[in-house]
Amino acid sequence: MTSPVEVRELGSSDAAAFLALRERSLRENPEAYHSDVSEWEGRLDRVEQLIRENVVFGAFADGLLGGMAILGTSGRTLQRRRHKAEVWAVYVTPEHRGRSISRRLMERVIAAANDRGYRALVLTVETGNVGAIALYESLGFRSYGVEREATLLKDGVFCDDMLMQLDLRRS
């Protein structure tokens, strides 16, 4: 029997667990993220700032942080760009997949964006990540383009990103 999953906003006391999960996500799925693990290793200060300046959600299952998603509110500081927020760093560990954790995390992100008065959410997803694309589409996100060669991996391989947006006025 699997234990219940708790999805909640993370605070400073969760920074070390978040950092460990972030590093794991970047090692296991480098094609899915724009960051490289070397940019995060040991950077607890970076995580603490991230948690202070954004809305970071975590999913706890079996007593462990097994999933995360960020409502990025700090990256859009220009007056004319403040009506949108970004979703990033969505990840669920393989051992916690199949329990609708990504959906629950995304539902919390969407609710938080609505509560804060944003008009839209944007995200990028690697074009080969069909499971994530299907999830985002089921939540109302729509593709508005593809960024070719968005990410260059260490082995010289490029990954393309699908650009997606959710109009919160309709959700």
Protein backbone atom coordinates (compact mmCIF):
# COMPACT_ATOMS: atom_id res chain seq x y z
CA MET A 1 0.00 0.00 0.00
CA THR A 2 1.32 3.44 -0.88
CA SER A 3 1.26 6.27 1.61
CA PRO A 4 -0.78 9.42 1.01
CA VAL A 5 0.86 12.31 -0.83
CA GLU A 6 1.01 15.75 0.74
CA VAL A 7 1.49 18.70 -1.65
CA ARG A 8 2.43 21.95 0.05
CA GLU A 9 4.36 25.15 -0.40
CA LEU A 10 7.99 24.79 0.63
CA GLY A 11 9.69 27.01 3.16
CA SER A 12 13.28 27.66 4.14
CA SER A 13 13.35 24.51 6.30
CA ASP A 14 12.80 22.48 3.10
CA ALA A 15 15.76 23.99 1.24
CA ALA A 16 18.18 21.06 1.69
CA ALA A 17 15.59 18.50 0.57
CA PHE A 18 14.69 20.66 -2.43
CA LEU A 19 18.35 21.03 -3.41
CA ALA A 20 18.87 17.26 -3.29
CA LEU A 21 15.80 16.71 -5.47
CA ARG A 22 16.82 19.48 -7.89
CA GLU A 23 20.29 17.98 -8.28
CA ARG A 24 18.76 14.55 -8.85
CA SER A 25 16.37 15.86 -11.51
CA LEU A 26 19.23 17.50 -13.39
CA ARG A 27 21.36 14.35 -13.27
CA GLU A 28 18.59 11.98 -14.31
CA ASN A 29 16.87 14.14 -16.96
CA PRO A 30 19.34 16.74 -18.24
CA GLU A 31 17.38 17.12 -21.49
CA ALA A 32 14.36 18.39 -19.58
CA TYR A 33 15.99 21.46 -18.03
CA HIS A 34 17.91 24.52 -19.09
CA SER A 35 20.17 24.35 -16.01
CA ASP A 36 23.14 22.05 -15.61
CA VAL A 37 23.65 20.19 -12.34
CA SER A 38 27.01 21.96 -11.88
CA GLU A 39 25.10 25.25 -11.52
CA TRP A 40 23.19 23.89 -8.50
CA GLU A 41 25.54 21.50 -6.69
CA GLY A 42 25.86 22.55 -3.08
CA ARG A 43 24.12 25.89 -3.71
CA LEU A 44 21.86 25.98 -0.69
CA ASP A 45 22.06 29.79 -0.81
CA ARG A 46 20.57 29.72 -4.31
CA VAL A 47 17.71 27.47 -3.17
CA GLU A 48 16.96 29.66 -0.15
CA GLN A 49 16.72 32.69 -2.44
CA LEU A 50 14.56 30.76 -4.90
CA ILE A 51 12.13 29.81 -2.14
CA ARG A 52 12.00 33.42 -0.87
CA GLU A 53 11.38 34.97 -4.29
CA ASN A 54 9.03 32.43 -5.91
CA VAL A 55 6.31 29.99 -4.95
CA VAL A 56 7.82 26.53 -4.66
CA PHE A 57 5.67 23.45 -4.17
CA GLY A 58 6.77 20.03 -3.02
CA ALA A 59 5.08 16.66 -2.93
CA PHE A 60 5.90 14.48 0.04
CA ALA A 61 5.29 10.75 -0.13
CA ASP A 62 6.66 7.98 2.01
CA GLY A 63 8.21 10.70 4.19
CA LEU A 64 10.35 12.02 1.34
CA LEU A 65 10.23 14.98 -1.02
CA GLY A 66 9.34 13.14 -4.22
CA GLY A 67 8.18 15.94 -6.49
CA MET A 68 8.48 19.67 -7.09
CA ALA A 69 7.16 22.51 -9.22
CA ILE A 70 7.89 26.24 -9.18
CA LEU A 71 5.62 29.18 -9.90
CA GLY A 72 8.30 31.56 -11.06
CA THR A 73 7.28 35.05 -10.07
CA SER A 74 10.69 36.72 -9.79
CA GLY A 75 11.74 36.50 -13.43
CA ARG A 76 9.14 38.89 -14.82
CA THR A 77 9.91 42.18 -13.13
CA LEU A 78 9.37 44.56 -16.05
CA GLN A 79 6.08 46.43 -15.64
CA ARG A 80 4.75 45.27 -19.00
CA ARG A 81 5.54 41.59 -18.31
CA ARG A 82 4.16 41.19 -14.78
CA HIS A 83 0.82 39.76 -15.91
CA LYS A 84 2.41 36.38 -16.66
CA ALA A 85 4.24 33.93 -14.45
CA GLU A 86 6.40 30.97 -15.41
CA VAL A 87 6.22 27.32 -14.44
CA TRP A 88 9.53 25.53 -14.18
CA ALA A 89 11.47 22.69 -12.56
CA VAL A 90 8.53 20.29 -12.58
CA TYR A 91 9.84 16.87 -11.54
CA VAL A 92 8.65 13.70 -9.84
CA THR A 93 11.05 10.91 -8.92
CA PRO A 94 10.60 7.64 -10.83
CA GLU A 95 9.61 5.79 -7.66
CA HIS A 96 6.78 8.28 -7.03
CA ARG A 97 5.41 8.41 -10.57
CA GLY A 98 2.01 6.99 -11.48
CA ARG A 99 0.29 8.61 -8.49
CA SER A 100 -0.91 11.85 -10.20
CA ILE A 101 1.70 13.85 -8.29
CA SER A 102 2.62 16.01 -11.31
CA ARG A 103 -1.05 16.85 -11.83
CA ARG A 104 -1.49 17.76 -8.18
CA LEU A 105 1.63 19.94 -8.23
CA MET A 106 0.47 21.71 -11.38
CA GLU A 107 -3.02 22.25 -9.95
CA ARG A 108 -1.43 23.96 -6.94
CA VAL A 109 0.76 26.10 -9.23
CA ILE A 110 -2.29 27.14 -11.28
CA ALA A 111 -4.30 27.95 -8.14
CA ALA A 112 -1.42 30.02 -6.73
CA ALA A 113 -1.12 31.95 -10.00
CA ASN A 114 -4.86 32.63 -9.98
CA ASP A 115 -4.72 33.74 -6.34
CA ARG A 116 -1.95 36.20 -7.20
CA GLY A 117 -3.90 37.71 -10.09
CA TYR A 118 -1.78 36.52 -13.01
CA ARG A 119 -3.49 36.46 -16.40
CA ALA A 120 -1.40 33.65 -17.86
CA LEU A 121 1.15 30.96 -17.11
CA VAL A 122 3.92 30.03 -19.52
CA LEU A 123 6.27 27.07 -19.58
CA THR A 124 8.67 25.23 -21.82
CA VAL A 125 8.81 21.47 -22.17
CA GLU A 126 11.27 19.36 -24.13
CA THR A 127 9.47 18.25 -27.30
CA GLY A 128 10.18 14.57 -26.66
CA ASN A 129 8.52 14.62 -23.23
CA VAL A 130 5.14 13.42 -24.46
CA GLY A 131 3.84 12.56 -20.99
CA ALA A 132 4.44 16.08 -19.69
CA ILE A 133 2.98 17.63 -22.84
CA ALA A 134 -0.16 15.52 -22.45
CA LEU A 135 -0.49 16.58 -18.81
CA TYR A 136 -0.08 20.27 -19.63
CA GLU A 137 -2.59 20.05 -22.47
CA SER A 138 -5.09 18.31 -20.18
CA LEU A 139 -4.76 21.27 -17.81
CA GLY A 140 -5.52 23.74 -20.61
CA PHE A 141 -2.03 24.76 -21.74
CA ARG A 142 -1.70 25.32 -25.48
CA SER A 143 1.42 25.28 -27.62
CA TYR A 144 2.37 28.52 -29.32
CA GLY A 145 5.64 27.47 -30.90
CA VAL A 146 8.85 25.50 -30.74
CA GLU A 147 12.25 26.87 -29.85
CA ARG A 148 14.75 24.89 -31.92
CA GLU A 149 18.01 23.92 -30.24
CA ALA A 150 16.85 25.46 -26.96
CA THR A 151 19.28 23.45 -24.84
CA LEU A 152 22.76 22.14 -25.59
CA LEU A 153 23.69 19.05 -23.58
CA LYS A 154 27.25 18.12 -22.61
CA ASP A 155 27.43 15.46 -25.33
CA GLY A 156 26.79 18.07 -28.04
CA VAL A 157 23.16 17.07 -28.57
CA PHE A 158 20.57 19.84 -28.85
CA CYS A 159 17.03 19.60 -27.48
CA ASP A 160 14.02 21.53 -28.77
CA ASP A 161 11.46 23.11 -26.44
CA MET A 162 7.73 23.44 -26.93
CA LEU A 163 6.46 26.80 -25.69
CA MET A 164 3.11 26.55 -23.90
CA GLN A 165 0.71 28.99 -22.28
CA LEU A 166 -2.37 28.75 -20.09
CA ASP A 167 -4.84 31.63 -20.18
CA LEU A 168 -5.94 31.91 -16.55
CA ARG A 169 -8.94 34.07 -17.39
CA ARG A 170 -10.56 30.93 -18.84
CA SER A 171 -9.42 28.26 -16.38
